[in-house]
Amino acid sequence: MSEQIALDLRVLGHSFRLASTPDQKDDLERAAQLLNDKYDEFRRKAPRMEPSKLVIMVALELMQEVLTMNKSLQQYAHCERLLATIMEEVEAFSE
């Protein structure tokens, strides 16, 4: 089990102290930066929108990206299974 460290992050104007592991620290910092950047991007596009609605819009966009990546990974896994089946059939045929 990895040792726990305290990590201070600033996300959307709020400070958070999180427990993390040294190997997760960089990913958490990048995630916070991505969230802050997305929020700032939406803020520039809609400067009068309520902050809570901006957060929802950012969350929706990020979840849409997650779903798209998940779909791509599922398609990739399906292709891997098909390729493995084809390779088995080729090997069986060549014997």
C-alpha atoms as a PDB file:
ATOM      1  CA  MET A   1       0.000   0.000   0.000  1.00  0.00           C
ATOM      2  CA  SER A   2       1.349   3.412  -0.948  1.00  0.00           C
ATOM      3  CA  GLU A   3       1.900   6.086   1.643  1.00  0.00           C
ATOM      4  CA  GLN A   4      -0.698   8.846   1.866  1.00  0.00           C
ATOM      5  CA  ILE A   5       0.247  12.462   1.359  1.00  0.00           C
ATOM      6  CA  ALA A   6      -1.749  15.655   1.803  1.00  0.00           C
ATOM      7  CA  LEU A   7      -2.442  17.541  -1.398  1.00  0.00           C
ATOM      8  CA  ASP A   8      -3.745  21.102  -1.516  1.00  0.00           C
ATOM      9  CA  LEU A   9      -5.680  21.972  -4.672  1.00  0.00           C
ATOM     10  CA  ARG A  10      -7.451  25.100  -5.807  1.00  0.00           C
ATOM     11  CA  VAL A  11     -10.471  24.176  -7.931  1.00  0.00           C
ATOM     12  CA  LEU A  12     -12.992  26.682  -9.242  1.00  0.00           C
ATOM     13  CA  GLY A  13     -11.960  29.208  -6.634  1.00  0.00           C
ATOM     14  CA  HIS A  14     -12.205  26.780  -3.715  1.00  0.00           C
ATOM     15  CA  SER A  15      -9.361  25.239  -1.745  1.00  0.00           C
ATOM     16  CA  PHE A  16      -9.373  21.516  -1.108  1.00  0.00           C
ATOM     17  CA  ARG A  17      -7.055  19.374   0.974  1.00  0.00           C
ATOM     18  CA  LEU A  18      -7.077  15.808  -0.244  1.00  0.00           C
ATOM     19  CA  ALA A  19      -5.365  12.614   0.784  1.00  0.00           C
ATOM     20  CA  SER A  20      -3.498  11.107  -2.131  1.00  0.00           C
ATOM     21  CA  THR A  21      -0.584   8.883  -2.960  1.00  0.00           C
ATOM     22  CA  PRO A  22       2.607  10.218  -4.508  1.00  0.00           C
ATOM     23  CA  ASP A  23       1.881   8.382  -7.764  1.00  0.00           C
ATOM     24  CA  GLN A  24      -1.620   9.934  -8.007  1.00  0.00           C
ATOM     25  CA  LYS A  25      -0.526  13.461  -7.128  1.00  0.00           C
ATOM     26  CA  ASP A  26       0.351  14.582 -10.664  1.00  0.00           C
ATOM     27  CA  ASP A  27      -2.884  13.170 -12.104  1.00  0.00           C
ATOM     28  CA  LEU A  28      -4.986  14.971  -9.483  1.00  0.00           C
ATOM     29  CA  GLU A  29      -3.178  18.233 -10.156  1.00  0.00           C
ATOM     30  CA  ARG A  30      -3.708  17.823 -13.912  1.00  0.00           C
ATOM     31  CA  ALA A  31      -7.389  17.010 -13.350  1.00  0.00           C
ATOM     32  CA  ALA A  32      -7.834  20.147 -11.259  1.00  0.00           C
ATOM     33  CA  GLN A  33      -6.077  22.239 -13.906  1.00  0.00           C
ATOM     34  CA  LEU A  34      -8.251  20.739 -16.656  1.00  0.00           C
ATOM     35  CA  LEU A  35     -11.384  21.506 -14.662  1.00  0.00           C
ATOM     36  CA  ASN A  36     -10.235  25.073 -14.009  1.00  0.00           C
ATOM     37  CA  ASP A  37      -9.342  25.575 -17.689  1.00  0.00           C
ATOM     38  CA  LYS A  38     -12.702  24.208 -18.882  1.00  0.00           C
ATOM     39  CA  TYR A  39     -14.549  26.415 -16.416  1.00  0.00           C
ATOM     40  CA  ASP A  40     -12.594  29.487 -17.557  1.00  0.00           C
ATOM     41  CA  GLU A  41     -13.345  28.604 -21.193  1.00  0.00           C
ATOM     42  CA  PHE A  42     -17.076  28.405 -20.468  1.00  0.00           C
ATOM     43  CA  ARG A  43     -16.892  31.593 -18.384  1.00  0.00           C
ATOM     44  CA  ARG A  44     -15.401  33.460 -21.395  1.00  0.00           C
ATOM     45  CA  LYS A  45     -18.147  32.132 -23.668  1.00  0.00           C
ATOM     46  CA  ALA A  46     -20.977  32.966 -21.251  1.00  0.00           C
ATOM     47  CA  PRO A  47     -19.767  35.626 -18.812  1.00  0.00           C
ATOM     48  CA  ARG A  48     -23.238  36.314 -17.393  1.00  0.00           C
ATOM     49  CA  MET A  49     -24.193  32.706 -16.696  1.00  0.00           C
ATOM     50  CA  GLU A  50     -24.527  31.693 -13.061  1.00  0.00           C
ATOM     51  CA  PRO A  51     -21.435  29.876 -11.735  1.00  0.00           C
ATOM     52  CA  SER A  52     -23.479  26.836 -10.692  1.00  0.00           C
ATOM     53  CA  LYS A  53     -24.842  26.481 -14.231  1.00  0.00           C
ATOM     54  CA  LEU A  54     -21.324  26.832 -15.650  1.00  0.00           C
ATOM     55  CA  VAL A  55     -20.160  24.010 -13.404  1.00  0.00           C
ATOM     56  CA  ILE A  56     -23.010  21.832 -14.692  1.00  0.00           C
ATOM     57  CA  MET A  57     -22.110  22.648 -18.304  1.00  0.00           C
ATOM     58  CA  VAL A  58     -18.458  21.756 -17.660  1.00  0.00           C
ATOM     59  CA  ALA A  59     -19.479  18.512 -15.962  1.00  0.00           C
ATOM     60  CA  LEU A  60     -21.731  17.597 -18.892  1.00  0.00           C
ATOM     61  CA  GLU A  61     -18.976  18.241 -21.431  1.00  0.00           C
ATOM     62  CA  LEU A  62     -16.420  16.235 -19.462  1.00  0.00           C
ATOM     63  CA  MET A  63     -18.859  13.342 -18.990  1.00  0.00           C
ATOM     64  CA  GLN A  64     -19.610  13.394 -22.707  1.00  0.00           C
ATOM     65  CA  GLU A  65     -15.865  13.058 -23.342  1.00  0.00           C
ATOM     66  CA  VAL A  66     -15.687  10.152 -20.867  1.00  0.00           C
ATOM     67  CA  LEU A  67     -18.585   8.371 -22.581  1.00  0.00           C
ATOM     68  CA  THR A  68     -17.008   8.879 -26.007  1.00  0.00           C
ATOM     69  CA  MET A  69     -13.684   7.471 -24.795  1.00  0.00           C
ATOM     70  CA  ASN A  70     -15.450   4.547 -23.121  1.00  0.00           C
ATOM     71  CA  LYS A  71     -17.273   3.759 -26.354  1.00  0.00           C
ATOM     72  CA  SER A  72     -13.974   3.887 -28.255  1.00  0.00           C
ATOM     73  CA  LEU A  73     -12.344   1.539 -25.738  1.00  0.00           C
ATOM     74  CA  GLN A  74     -15.242  -0.902 -26.034  1.00  0.00           C
ATOM     75  CA  GLN A  75     -14.906  -0.873 -29.831  1.00  0.00           C
ATOM     76  CA  TYR A  76     -11.155  -1.410 -29.497  1.00  0.00           C
ATOM     77  CA  ALA A  77     -11.702  -4.380 -27.163  1.00  0.00           C
ATOM     78  CA  HIS A  78     -14.205  -5.845 -29.608  1.00  0.00           C
ATOM     79  CA  CYS A  79     -11.666  -5.500 -32.452  1.00  0.00           C
ATOM     80  CA  GLU A  80      -9.013  -7.194 -30.304  1.00  0.00           C
ATOM     81  CA  ARG A  81     -11.355 -10.154 -29.691  1.00  0.00           C
ATOM     82  CA  LEU A  82     -12.158 -10.420 -33.402  1.00  0.00           C
ATOM     83  CA  LEU A  83      -8.475 -10.307 -34.306  1.00  0.00           C
ATOM     84  CA  ALA A  84      -7.666 -12.986 -31.729  1.00  0.00           C
ATOM     85  CA  THR A  85     -10.402 -15.211 -33.174  1.00  0.00           C
ATOM     86  CA  ILE A  86      -9.108 -14.677 -36.711  1.00  0.00           C
ATOM     87  CA  MET A  87      -5.552 -15.472 -35.620  1.00  0.00           C
ATOM     88  CA  GLU A  88      -6.732 -18.683 -33.917  1.00  0.00           C
ATOM     89  CA  GLU A  89      -8.560 -19.712 -37.093  1.00  0.00           C
ATOM     90  CA  VAL A  90      -5.488 -18.967 -39.258  1.00  0.00           C
ATOM     91  CA  GLU A  91      -3.247 -20.959 -36.917  1.00  0.00           C
ATOM     92  CA  ALA A  92      -5.702 -23.879 -36.898  1.00  0.00           C
ATOM     93  CA  PHE A  93      -5.948 -23.798 -40.696  1.00  0.00           C
ATOM     94  CA  SER A  94      -2.175 -23.744 -41.162  1.00  0.00           C
ATOM     95  CA  GLU A  95      -1.629 -26.828 -38.949  1.00  0.00           C
END
